[in-house]
N, C-alpha and C. Protein backbone atom coordinates (compact mmCIF):
# COMPACT_ATOMS: atom_id res chain seq x y z
N MET A 1 12.98 -8.32 -13.35
CA MET A 1 12.37 -7.23 -14.07
C MET A 1 10.99 -6.94 -13.50
N ILE A 2 10.46 -5.78 -13.87
CA ILE A 2 9.10 -5.42 -13.50
C ILE A 2 8.32 -5.20 -14.78
N LEU A 3 7.14 -5.79 -14.87
CA LEU A 3 6.21 -5.51 -15.95
C LEU A 3 5.13 -4.59 -15.41
N LYS A 4 4.69 -3.65 -16.21
CA LYS A 4 3.61 -2.77 -15.76
C LYS A 4 2.84 -2.25 -16.96
N HIS A 5 1.59 -1.94 -16.73
CA HIS A 5 0.78 -1.35 -17.78
C HIS A 5 1.24 0.08 -18.04
N ASN A 6 1.20 0.49 -19.30
CA ASN A 6 1.52 1.87 -19.64
C ASN A 6 0.47 2.81 -19.08
N ARG A 7 -0.79 2.36 -19.10
CA ARG A 7 -1.89 3.16 -18.55
C ARG A 7 -2.71 2.25 -17.66
N ALA A 8 -2.64 2.50 -16.37
CA ALA A 8 -3.38 1.65 -15.44
C ALA A 8 -3.88 2.44 -14.26
N GLY A 9 -2.99 2.85 -13.38
CA GLY A 9 -3.38 3.55 -12.16
C GLY A 9 -3.40 2.62 -10.98
N LYS A 10 -3.10 3.17 -9.81
CA LYS A 10 -3.11 2.45 -8.54
C LYS A 10 -2.07 1.34 -8.47
N GLY A 11 -1.16 1.29 -9.42
CA GLY A 11 -0.17 0.21 -9.42
C GLY A 11 -0.72 -1.10 -9.93
N LEU A 12 -1.93 -1.10 -10.46
CA LEU A 12 -2.51 -2.34 -10.95
C LEU A 12 -1.72 -2.85 -12.15
N GLY A 13 -1.53 -4.15 -12.20
CA GLY A 13 -0.80 -4.76 -13.31
C GLY A 13 0.70 -4.80 -13.11
N VAL A 14 1.21 -4.23 -12.02
CA VAL A 14 2.65 -4.24 -11.78
C VAL A 14 3.06 -5.62 -11.25
N ARG A 15 4.04 -6.23 -11.90
CA ARG A 15 4.49 -7.57 -11.54
C ARG A 15 6.00 -7.62 -11.43
N LEU A 16 6.51 -8.16 -10.33
CA LEU A 16 7.94 -8.41 -10.16
C LEU A 16 8.20 -9.85 -10.58
N LEU A 17 9.10 -10.03 -11.55
CA LEU A 17 9.43 -11.36 -12.06
C LEU A 17 10.93 -11.56 -11.90
N LEU A 18 11.31 -12.64 -11.23
CA LEU A 18 12.71 -12.82 -10.83
C LEU A 18 13.53 -13.71 -11.74
N SER A 19 12.91 -14.24 -12.82
CA SER A 19 13.66 -15.11 -13.72
C SER A 19 12.99 -15.15 -15.08
N PRO A 20 13.73 -15.55 -16.13
CA PRO A 20 13.10 -15.71 -17.44
C PRO A 20 11.96 -16.73 -17.41
N ALA A 21 12.13 -17.78 -16.63
CA ALA A 21 11.08 -18.80 -16.53
C ALA A 21 9.81 -18.21 -15.91
N ALA A 22 9.98 -17.35 -14.90
CA ALA A 22 8.82 -16.71 -14.27
C ALA A 22 8.11 -15.79 -15.26
N LEU A 23 8.88 -15.11 -16.11
CA LEU A 23 8.28 -14.24 -17.13
C LEU A 23 7.45 -15.07 -18.11
N GLU A 24 8.03 -16.17 -18.62
CA GLU A 24 7.31 -17.03 -19.56
C GLU A 24 6.03 -17.58 -18.93
N GLU A 25 6.14 -18.01 -17.69
CA GLU A 25 4.98 -18.57 -16.99
C GLU A 25 3.88 -17.52 -16.83
N HIS A 26 4.28 -16.29 -16.47
CA HIS A 26 3.30 -15.22 -16.27
C HIS A 26 2.61 -14.86 -17.58
N LEU A 27 3.38 -14.72 -18.67
CA LEU A 27 2.79 -14.35 -19.95
C LEU A 27 1.83 -15.40 -20.47
N ALA A 28 2.08 -16.67 -20.14
CA ALA A 28 1.22 -17.76 -20.60
C ALA A 28 0.02 -17.99 -19.69
N SER A 29 0.03 -17.36 -18.52
CA SER A 29 -1.05 -17.59 -17.55
C SER A 29 -2.24 -16.68 -17.82
N GLY A 30 -3.34 -16.96 -17.15
CA GLY A 30 -4.54 -16.13 -17.25
C GLY A 30 -4.41 -14.85 -16.46
N GLU A 31 -3.34 -14.71 -15.66
CA GLU A 31 -3.16 -13.51 -14.84
C GLU A 31 -2.62 -12.33 -15.65
N PHE A 32 -1.97 -12.61 -16.77
CA PHE A 32 -1.43 -11.52 -17.60
C PHE A 32 -2.56 -10.85 -18.35
N GLU A 33 -2.65 -9.53 -18.21
CA GLU A 33 -3.62 -8.73 -18.94
C GLU A 33 -2.87 -7.63 -19.68
N ALA A 34 -3.22 -7.44 -20.93
CA ALA A 34 -2.57 -6.38 -21.71
C ALA A 34 -3.04 -5.02 -21.21
N SER A 35 -2.19 -4.03 -21.35
CA SER A 35 -2.53 -2.66 -20.99
C SER A 35 -3.66 -2.16 -21.89
N VAL A 36 -4.42 -1.18 -21.40
CA VAL A 36 -5.53 -0.62 -22.16
C VAL A 36 -5.08 -0.14 -23.54
N ASP A 37 -3.88 0.45 -23.60
CA ASP A 37 -3.39 0.96 -24.89
C ASP A 37 -2.49 -0.04 -25.62
N GLY A 38 -2.42 -1.28 -25.09
CA GLY A 38 -1.63 -2.31 -25.73
C GLY A 38 -0.14 -2.25 -25.48
N VAL A 39 0.30 -1.29 -24.63
CA VAL A 39 1.72 -1.14 -24.34
C VAL A 39 2.01 -1.64 -22.93
N THR A 40 2.87 -2.63 -22.82
CA THR A 40 3.32 -3.12 -21.52
C THR A 40 4.77 -2.69 -21.34
N LEU A 41 5.04 -1.99 -20.26
CA LEU A 41 6.38 -1.49 -20.00
C LEU A 41 7.23 -2.54 -19.29
N VAL A 42 8.50 -2.58 -19.63
CA VAL A 42 9.45 -3.48 -18.98
C VAL A 42 10.49 -2.60 -18.30
N GLN A 43 10.65 -2.79 -16.99
CA GLN A 43 11.62 -1.99 -16.24
C GLN A 43 12.56 -2.91 -15.47
N ARG A 44 13.79 -2.48 -15.35
CA ARG A 44 14.73 -3.21 -14.51
C ARG A 44 14.32 -3.06 -13.06
N TYR A 45 14.35 -4.14 -12.31
CA TYR A 45 14.02 -4.07 -10.89
C TYR A 45 15.17 -3.44 -10.13
N ILE A 46 14.87 -2.39 -9.39
CA ILE A 46 15.88 -1.72 -8.56
C ILE A 46 15.63 -2.13 -7.11
N LYS A 47 16.59 -2.80 -6.53
CA LYS A 47 16.45 -3.23 -5.14
C LYS A 47 16.89 -2.10 -4.22
N ALA A 48 15.96 -1.62 -3.42
CA ALA A 48 16.27 -0.53 -2.49
C ALA A 48 16.66 -1.12 -1.14
N PRO A 49 17.54 -0.44 -0.40
CA PRO A 49 17.93 -0.95 0.91
C PRO A 49 16.77 -0.92 1.91
N GLN A 50 15.81 -0.02 1.69
CA GLN A 50 14.61 0.04 2.51
C GLN A 50 13.41 0.02 1.57
N PRO A 51 12.30 -0.64 1.98
CA PRO A 51 11.17 -0.80 1.07
C PRO A 51 10.28 0.45 0.93
N PHE A 52 10.78 1.42 0.18
CA PHE A 52 9.95 2.59 -0.10
C PHE A 52 10.40 3.24 -1.40
N ILE A 53 9.48 3.99 -1.98
CA ILE A 53 9.77 4.84 -3.13
C ILE A 53 9.39 6.26 -2.71
N THR A 54 9.79 7.23 -3.51
CA THR A 54 9.43 8.62 -3.23
C THR A 54 8.69 9.17 -4.44
N ARG A 55 7.58 9.83 -4.16
CA ARG A 55 6.78 10.46 -5.21
C ARG A 55 6.87 11.97 -5.00
N VAL A 56 7.29 12.68 -6.03
CA VAL A 56 7.49 14.13 -5.95
C VAL A 56 6.37 14.81 -6.72
N GLU A 57 5.58 15.63 -6.02
CA GLU A 57 4.41 16.27 -6.61
C GLU A 57 4.76 17.67 -7.12
N PHE A 58 4.26 17.96 -8.32
CA PHE A 58 4.44 19.27 -8.94
C PHE A 58 3.08 19.83 -9.36
N VAL A 59 2.87 21.10 -9.10
CA VAL A 59 1.66 21.79 -9.54
C VAL A 59 2.09 23.11 -10.18
N GLY A 60 1.56 23.37 -11.38
CA GLY A 60 2.00 24.55 -12.13
C GLY A 60 3.44 24.45 -12.54
N GLY A 61 3.94 23.21 -12.64
CA GLY A 61 5.34 22.99 -13.01
C GLY A 61 6.32 23.23 -11.88
N LYS A 62 5.81 23.55 -10.68
CA LYS A 62 6.67 23.84 -9.53
C LYS A 62 6.53 22.76 -8.46
N PHE A 63 7.62 22.51 -7.75
CA PHE A 63 7.63 21.51 -6.69
C PHE A 63 6.64 21.88 -5.58
N LEU A 64 5.80 20.91 -5.19
CA LEU A 64 4.87 21.11 -4.10
C LEU A 64 5.35 20.39 -2.85
N TYR A 65 5.47 19.09 -2.92
CA TYR A 65 6.03 18.30 -1.81
C TYR A 65 6.38 16.90 -2.30
N ALA A 66 7.08 16.17 -1.45
CA ALA A 66 7.44 14.78 -1.75
C ALA A 66 6.81 13.87 -0.72
N VAL A 67 6.43 12.68 -1.17
CA VAL A 67 5.79 11.70 -0.30
C VAL A 67 6.60 10.41 -0.33
N ARG A 68 6.90 9.90 0.85
CA ARG A 68 7.56 8.60 0.97
C ARG A 68 6.46 7.54 1.02
N VAL A 69 6.54 6.54 0.14
CA VAL A 69 5.50 5.52 0.03
C VAL A 69 6.09 4.16 0.38
N ASP A 70 5.52 3.52 1.39
CA ASP A 70 5.96 2.20 1.85
C ASP A 70 5.53 1.15 0.83
N THR A 71 6.49 0.37 0.30
CA THR A 71 6.19 -0.67 -0.68
C THR A 71 6.37 -2.07 -0.12
N SER A 72 6.46 -2.18 1.21
CA SER A 72 6.76 -3.48 1.82
C SER A 72 5.69 -4.53 1.55
N GLN A 73 4.47 -4.10 1.23
CA GLN A 73 3.40 -5.07 0.97
C GLN A 73 3.03 -5.12 -0.51
N GLY A 74 3.89 -4.61 -1.37
CA GLY A 74 3.64 -4.71 -2.80
C GLY A 74 3.53 -3.36 -3.47
N PHE A 75 3.23 -3.39 -4.77
CA PHE A 75 3.25 -2.20 -5.60
C PHE A 75 1.87 -1.59 -5.81
N GLU A 76 0.82 -2.30 -5.44
CA GLU A 76 -0.53 -1.80 -5.70
C GLU A 76 -0.97 -0.86 -4.59
N LEU A 77 -0.58 0.38 -4.74
CA LEU A 77 -0.85 1.40 -3.73
C LEU A 77 -1.54 2.58 -4.38
N CYS A 78 -2.57 3.06 -3.74
CA CYS A 78 -3.27 4.24 -4.25
C CYS A 78 -3.40 5.24 -3.11
N PRO A 79 -2.93 6.47 -3.27
CA PRO A 79 -3.02 7.44 -2.18
C PRO A 79 -4.39 8.08 -2.03
N ALA A 80 -5.30 7.86 -2.98
CA ALA A 80 -6.60 8.54 -2.93
C ALA A 80 -7.39 8.13 -1.69
N ASP A 81 -8.15 9.09 -1.13
CA ASP A 81 -8.91 8.80 0.08
C ASP A 81 -9.98 7.74 -0.15
N VAL A 82 -10.50 7.63 -1.38
CA VAL A 82 -11.53 6.63 -1.65
C VAL A 82 -10.97 5.22 -1.49
N CYS A 83 -9.66 5.05 -1.62
CA CYS A 83 -9.03 3.74 -1.48
C CYS A 83 -8.52 3.48 -0.07
N GLN A 84 -8.85 4.34 0.88
CA GLN A 84 -8.34 4.18 2.23
C GLN A 84 -9.36 3.58 3.19
N ILE A 85 -10.36 2.90 2.65
CA ILE A 85 -11.41 2.31 3.48
C ILE A 85 -11.08 0.86 3.73
N ASP A 86 -11.00 0.46 5.00
CA ASP A 86 -10.64 -0.91 5.34
C ASP A 86 -11.83 -1.85 5.35
N ALA A 87 -13.01 -1.32 5.52
CA ALA A 87 -14.19 -2.16 5.64
C ALA A 87 -14.70 -2.59 4.28
N PRO A 88 -15.37 -3.78 4.20
CA PRO A 88 -15.99 -4.18 2.94
C PRO A 88 -17.04 -3.16 2.55
N PRO A 89 -17.45 -3.05 1.28
CA PRO A 89 -17.02 -3.97 0.22
C PRO A 89 -15.74 -3.55 -0.48
N LEU A 90 -15.23 -2.31 -0.28
CA LEU A 90 -14.09 -1.85 -1.06
C LEU A 90 -12.87 -2.72 -0.83
N ALA A 91 -12.60 -3.09 0.42
CA ALA A 91 -11.42 -3.88 0.72
C ALA A 91 -11.47 -5.24 0.03
N GLU A 92 -12.69 -5.72 -0.28
CA GLU A 92 -12.82 -7.02 -0.94
C GLU A 92 -12.63 -6.91 -2.45
N VAL A 93 -12.95 -5.76 -3.03
CA VAL A 93 -12.92 -5.66 -4.49
C VAL A 93 -11.74 -4.85 -5.02
N CYS A 94 -11.11 -4.04 -4.18
CA CYS A 94 -10.02 -3.19 -4.66
C CYS A 94 -8.69 -3.69 -4.10
N PRO A 95 -7.84 -4.31 -4.95
CA PRO A 95 -6.56 -4.82 -4.46
C PRO A 95 -5.57 -3.73 -4.11
N ALA A 96 -5.91 -2.48 -4.39
CA ALA A 96 -4.98 -1.38 -4.16
C ALA A 96 -5.24 -0.66 -2.85
N VAL A 97 -6.14 -1.18 -2.01
CA VAL A 97 -6.42 -0.53 -0.73
C VAL A 97 -5.14 -0.53 0.09
N ALA A 98 -4.76 0.62 0.59
CA ALA A 98 -3.51 0.75 1.34
C ALA A 98 -3.75 1.56 2.60
N PRO A 99 -3.21 1.12 3.73
CA PRO A 99 -3.35 1.90 4.96
C PRO A 99 -2.76 3.29 4.79
N ALA A 100 -3.38 4.27 5.41
CA ALA A 100 -2.97 5.67 5.23
C ALA A 100 -1.53 5.91 5.68
N ASP A 101 -1.03 5.15 6.66
CA ASP A 101 0.32 5.41 7.16
C ASP A 101 1.40 4.97 6.17
N LYS A 102 1.01 4.41 5.06
CA LYS A 102 1.99 4.08 4.04
C LYS A 102 2.49 5.33 3.32
N PHE A 103 1.80 6.45 3.51
CA PHE A 103 2.14 7.69 2.82
C PHE A 103 2.55 8.75 3.84
N GLN A 104 3.80 9.22 3.74
CA GLN A 104 4.29 10.24 4.67
C GLN A 104 4.99 11.35 3.88
N ILE A 105 4.53 12.57 4.10
CA ILE A 105 5.17 13.70 3.43
C ILE A 105 6.55 13.93 4.04
N VAL A 106 7.53 14.11 3.17
CA VAL A 106 8.93 14.28 3.60
C VAL A 106 9.15 15.76 3.89
N ARG A 107 9.43 16.08 5.14
CA ARG A 107 9.69 17.47 5.52
C ARG A 107 11.03 17.93 4.96
N ASP A 108 11.07 19.17 4.50
CA ASP A 108 12.30 19.80 4.00
C ASP A 108 12.97 18.97 2.90
N PHE A 109 12.15 18.40 2.03
CA PHE A 109 12.70 17.58 0.95
C PHE A 109 13.53 18.43 0.00
N ASP A 110 14.69 17.91 -0.34
CA ASP A 110 15.54 18.53 -1.36
C ASP A 110 16.28 17.41 -2.06
N HIS A 111 16.49 17.55 -3.34
CA HIS A 111 17.16 16.49 -4.10
C HIS A 111 17.85 17.11 -5.31
N PRO A 112 19.03 16.60 -5.68
CA PRO A 112 19.74 17.15 -6.84
C PRO A 112 18.96 17.04 -8.15
N LEU A 113 18.01 16.10 -8.24
CA LEU A 113 17.25 15.93 -9.47
C LEU A 113 16.07 16.91 -9.61
N LEU A 114 15.76 17.66 -8.58
CA LEU A 114 14.61 18.59 -8.66
C LEU A 114 14.68 19.51 -9.88
N PRO A 115 15.80 20.19 -10.14
CA PRO A 115 15.85 21.06 -11.33
C PRO A 115 15.65 20.30 -12.63
N LYS A 116 16.16 19.07 -12.70
CA LYS A 116 16.01 18.27 -13.93
C LYS A 116 14.56 17.84 -14.12
N TRP A 117 13.89 17.46 -13.03
CA TRP A 117 12.48 17.09 -13.14
C TRP A 117 11.65 18.28 -13.61
N GLN A 118 11.93 19.46 -13.02
CA GLN A 118 11.18 20.66 -13.42
C GLN A 118 11.46 21.02 -14.87
N ALA A 119 12.69 20.87 -15.33
CA ALA A 119 13.04 21.16 -16.72
C ALA A 119 12.34 20.17 -17.65
N PHE A 120 12.27 18.90 -17.25
CA PHE A 120 11.58 17.89 -18.05
C PHE A 120 10.10 18.22 -18.18
N LEU A 121 9.46 18.60 -17.08
CA LEU A 121 8.05 18.95 -17.12
C LEU A 121 7.82 20.17 -18.01
N ALA A 122 8.67 21.18 -17.88
CA ALA A 122 8.52 22.40 -18.70
C ALA A 122 8.70 22.08 -20.18
N ALA A 123 9.69 21.26 -20.50
CA ALA A 123 9.97 20.92 -21.90
C ALA A 123 8.83 20.14 -22.54
N ASN A 124 8.06 19.44 -21.73
CA ASN A 124 6.96 18.63 -22.24
C ASN A 124 5.59 19.23 -21.94
N ASP A 125 5.58 20.50 -21.49
CA ASP A 125 4.34 21.22 -21.20
C ASP A 125 3.44 20.45 -20.24
N ILE A 126 4.05 19.86 -19.20
CA ILE A 126 3.32 19.15 -18.16
C ILE A 126 3.28 20.05 -16.93
N ARG A 127 2.10 20.42 -16.49
CA ARG A 127 1.97 21.36 -15.38
C ARG A 127 1.65 20.69 -14.05
N ILE A 128 0.94 19.58 -14.09
CA ILE A 128 0.57 18.87 -12.86
C ILE A 128 1.03 17.43 -13.00
N ALA A 129 1.86 16.96 -12.07
CA ALA A 129 2.41 15.61 -12.20
C ALA A 129 2.95 15.11 -10.87
N GLY A 130 3.03 13.79 -10.78
CA GLY A 130 3.74 13.13 -9.69
C GLY A 130 4.85 12.31 -10.31
N ILE A 131 6.09 12.60 -9.96
CA ILE A 131 7.24 11.87 -10.50
C ILE A 131 7.76 10.94 -9.41
N GLU A 132 7.92 9.66 -9.76
CA GLU A 132 8.36 8.66 -8.78
C GLU A 132 9.81 8.25 -9.03
N PHE A 133 10.55 8.09 -7.92
CA PHE A 133 11.92 7.61 -8.04
C PHE A 133 12.24 6.69 -6.87
N ILE A 134 13.29 5.90 -7.09
CA ILE A 134 13.75 4.96 -6.08
C ILE A 134 15.26 5.09 -5.97
N VAL A 135 15.80 4.84 -4.79
CA VAL A 135 17.24 4.92 -4.57
C VAL A 135 17.77 3.52 -4.27
N ASP A 136 18.81 3.09 -5.00
CA ASP A 136 19.33 1.74 -4.80
C ASP A 136 20.31 1.69 -3.63
N GLU A 137 20.85 0.51 -3.41
CA GLU A 137 21.74 0.31 -2.26
C GLU A 137 23.05 1.08 -2.37
N ASN A 138 23.36 1.59 -3.57
CA ASN A 138 24.57 2.40 -3.75
C ASN A 138 24.28 3.90 -3.71
N GLY A 139 23.02 4.25 -3.40
CA GLY A 139 22.65 5.65 -3.30
C GLY A 139 22.31 6.32 -4.61
N ARG A 140 22.21 5.54 -5.70
CA ARG A 140 21.84 6.09 -7.01
C ARG A 140 20.32 6.19 -7.12
N ALA A 141 19.86 7.34 -7.61
CA ALA A 141 18.42 7.57 -7.78
C ALA A 141 18.01 7.23 -9.20
N PHE A 142 16.90 6.50 -9.32
CA PHE A 142 16.34 6.14 -10.62
C PHE A 142 14.92 6.67 -10.71
N THR A 143 14.67 7.56 -11.66
CA THR A 143 13.32 8.04 -11.93
C THR A 143 12.67 7.01 -12.84
N TYR A 144 11.50 6.50 -12.44
CA TYR A 144 10.90 5.42 -13.22
C TYR A 144 9.46 5.66 -13.64
N ASP A 145 8.81 6.73 -13.17
CA ASP A 145 7.42 6.93 -13.55
C ASP A 145 7.06 8.41 -13.49
N VAL A 146 6.25 8.83 -14.46
CA VAL A 146 5.70 10.19 -14.47
C VAL A 146 4.18 10.04 -14.56
N ASN A 147 3.49 10.48 -13.54
CA ASN A 147 2.04 10.39 -13.49
C ASN A 147 1.45 11.76 -13.76
N THR A 148 0.71 11.88 -14.87
CA THR A 148 0.08 13.17 -15.17
C THR A 148 -1.38 13.19 -14.75
N ASN A 149 -1.80 12.14 -14.08
CA ASN A 149 -3.13 12.08 -13.47
C ASN A 149 -2.86 11.65 -12.03
N THR A 150 -2.84 12.59 -11.12
CA THR A 150 -2.29 12.31 -9.80
C THR A 150 -3.34 12.37 -8.70
N ASN A 151 -3.10 11.64 -7.63
CA ASN A 151 -3.94 11.66 -6.44
C ASN A 151 -3.11 12.16 -5.26
N TYR A 152 -3.80 12.63 -4.24
CA TYR A 152 -3.12 13.10 -3.04
C TYR A 152 -3.71 12.38 -1.84
N ASN A 153 -2.88 12.10 -0.84
CA ASN A 153 -3.35 11.39 0.34
C ASN A 153 -3.73 12.39 1.43
N PRO A 154 -5.04 12.49 1.76
CA PRO A 154 -5.49 13.49 2.72
C PRO A 154 -4.96 13.27 4.13
N ASP A 155 -4.75 12.01 4.54
CA ASP A 155 -4.23 11.75 5.88
C ASP A 155 -2.78 12.22 6.00
N ALA A 156 -1.98 11.95 4.97
CA ALA A 156 -0.59 12.40 4.99
C ALA A 156 -0.53 13.92 5.02
N GLU A 157 -1.41 14.57 4.25
CA GLU A 157 -1.44 16.04 4.24
C GLU A 157 -1.90 16.59 5.58
N ALA A 158 -2.87 15.93 6.21
CA ALA A 158 -3.35 16.38 7.53
C ALA A 158 -2.23 16.28 8.57
N LYS A 159 -1.48 15.19 8.54
CA LYS A 159 -0.38 15.01 9.50
C LYS A 159 0.71 16.06 9.30
N ASP A 160 0.80 16.58 8.07
CA ASP A 160 1.82 17.58 7.76
C ASP A 160 1.27 19.00 7.87
N GLY A 161 0.02 19.15 8.31
CA GLY A 161 -0.57 20.47 8.50
C GLY A 161 -0.95 21.19 7.22
N ARG A 162 -1.22 20.44 6.15
CA ARG A 162 -1.52 21.04 4.86
C ARG A 162 -3.01 21.10 4.55
N THR A 163 -3.82 20.43 5.33
CA THR A 163 -5.26 20.38 5.04
C THR A 163 -5.86 21.77 5.00
N GLY A 164 -6.67 22.02 3.96
CA GLY A 164 -7.37 23.30 3.86
C GLY A 164 -6.48 24.47 3.49
N THR A 165 -5.27 24.20 3.01
CA THR A 165 -4.36 25.28 2.63
C THR A 165 -3.99 25.15 1.15
N SER A 166 -3.34 26.17 0.63
CA SER A 166 -2.88 26.11 -0.76
C SER A 166 -1.67 25.20 -0.90
N GLN A 167 -1.18 24.66 0.23
CA GLN A 167 -0.07 23.73 0.19
C GLN A 167 -0.54 22.27 0.19
N SER A 168 -1.87 22.06 0.20
CA SER A 168 -2.40 20.71 -0.01
C SER A 168 -2.42 20.48 -1.51
N GLY A 169 -2.48 19.22 -1.91
CA GLY A 169 -2.50 18.93 -3.33
C GLY A 169 -3.66 19.59 -4.05
N MET A 170 -4.87 19.35 -3.55
CA MET A 170 -6.05 19.91 -4.22
C MET A 170 -6.11 21.43 -4.08
N GLY A 171 -5.63 21.94 -2.95
CA GLY A 171 -5.59 23.39 -2.76
C GLY A 171 -4.65 24.05 -3.77
N ALA A 172 -3.50 23.42 -3.99
CA ALA A 172 -2.54 23.96 -4.95
C ALA A 172 -3.08 23.89 -6.37
N VAL A 173 -3.76 22.78 -6.69
CA VAL A 173 -4.35 22.65 -8.02
C VAL A 173 -5.42 23.71 -8.23
N ALA A 174 -6.28 23.91 -7.22
CA ALA A 174 -7.33 24.92 -7.32
C ALA A 174 -6.73 26.32 -7.51
N SER A 175 -5.69 26.65 -6.74
CA SER A 175 -5.05 27.95 -6.88
C SER A 175 -4.43 28.12 -8.27
N TYR A 176 -3.79 27.07 -8.75
CA TYR A 176 -3.16 27.13 -10.07
C TYR A 176 -4.21 27.31 -11.16
N LEU A 177 -5.28 26.52 -11.12
CA LEU A 177 -6.33 26.65 -12.13
C LEU A 177 -7.01 28.01 -12.05
N GLY A 178 -7.18 28.52 -10.81
CA GLY A 178 -7.75 29.86 -10.63
C GLY A 178 -6.88 30.93 -11.27
N SER A 179 -5.56 30.77 -11.15
CA SER A 179 -4.65 31.76 -11.75
C SER A 179 -4.72 31.70 -13.27
N LEU A 180 -4.88 30.50 -13.82
CA LEU A 180 -5.03 30.38 -15.28
C LEU A 180 -6.32 31.04 -15.75
N LEU A 181 -7.39 30.82 -14.99
CA LEU A 181 -8.68 31.40 -15.35
C LEU A 181 -8.62 32.93 -15.30
N ALA A 182 -7.99 33.46 -14.24
CA ALA A 182 -7.86 34.91 -14.11
C ALA A 182 -7.03 35.49 -15.25
N ARG A 183 -5.98 34.78 -15.63
CA ARG A 183 -5.14 35.26 -16.73
C ARG A 183 -5.91 35.28 -18.04
N GLU A 184 -6.69 34.21 -18.30
CA GLU A 184 -7.49 34.15 -19.52
C GLU A 184 -8.57 35.23 -19.52
N ALA A 185 -9.20 35.45 -18.36
CA ALA A 185 -10.24 36.49 -18.28
C ALA A 185 -9.63 37.86 -18.54
N GLY A 186 -8.45 38.11 -17.99
CA GLY A 186 -7.77 39.39 -18.22
C GLY A 186 -7.41 39.58 -19.67
N ALA A 187 -6.97 38.49 -20.34
CA ALA A 187 -6.62 38.57 -21.75
C ALA A 187 -7.87 38.86 -22.59
N ALA A 188 -9.00 38.26 -22.21
CA ALA A 188 -10.24 38.49 -22.95
C ALA A 188 -10.69 39.94 -22.83
N VAL A 189 -10.54 40.53 -21.64
CA VAL A 189 -10.92 41.94 -21.43
C VAL A 189 -10.03 42.84 -22.27
N ARG A 190 -8.71 42.56 -22.26
CA ARG A 190 -7.79 43.38 -23.05
C ARG A 190 -8.10 43.28 -24.54
N ASP A 191 -8.46 42.08 -25.00
CA ASP A 191 -8.81 41.91 -26.41
C ASP A 191 -10.05 42.73 -26.78
N ARG A 192 -11.04 42.73 -25.90
CA ARG A 192 -12.27 43.50 -26.16
C ARG A 192 -11.97 44.99 -26.21
N GLU A 193 -11.11 45.44 -25.29
CA GLU A 193 -10.79 46.87 -25.24
C GLU A 193 -9.98 47.30 -26.44
N ALA A 194 -9.25 46.36 -27.05
CA ALA A 194 -8.40 46.70 -28.20
C ALA A 194 -9.20 46.80 -29.50
N VAL A 195 -10.42 46.26 -29.51
CA VAL A 195 -11.23 46.28 -30.73
C VAL A 195 -11.86 47.67 -30.87
N PRO A 196 -11.66 48.34 -32.04
CA PRO A 196 -12.23 49.68 -32.22
C PRO A 196 -13.77 49.64 -32.22
N ALA A 197 -14.41 50.67 -31.68
CA ALA A 197 -15.86 50.72 -31.62
C ALA A 197 -16.43 50.97 -32.99
């Protein structure tokens, strides 16, 4: 099984436990920390034929791109550029430091679950999210995490030619928020014009 914090970030607190005895030992040890909100999630461990997961990014409820994330060195991975520094002191204090090549944007990504993920986000009024899934050795996909506070990896975006465009994560977020602002401003003008003098 996998234990993880309900609210953590960067994969912190994620633990793979291979037996009931290992679970008991971990819970009794000083290494176990409760989640900030007191909820610890229990997930079945899905063994993938290759050590990676896929994170699918959505902005404005629409698919932006998918990122393949290498998990061969563990679960504590953060795509943010602030966590991509190899030199001390960050590498000494942040267990989630991950080399930039662990994140690769998947070209021409398509998946049968895309419409279901988009429907789930729409039904829950989630506009910006990263949804993570893993594929087991039988080819079955398991969605296991929805991140509504997401980071983007600038090196992966640069390698994919997205830097400085509306197809980068932050560029797409800025465009989306700008469209919301313009819509609200337009509604405010219409409301003012509708009020009799």
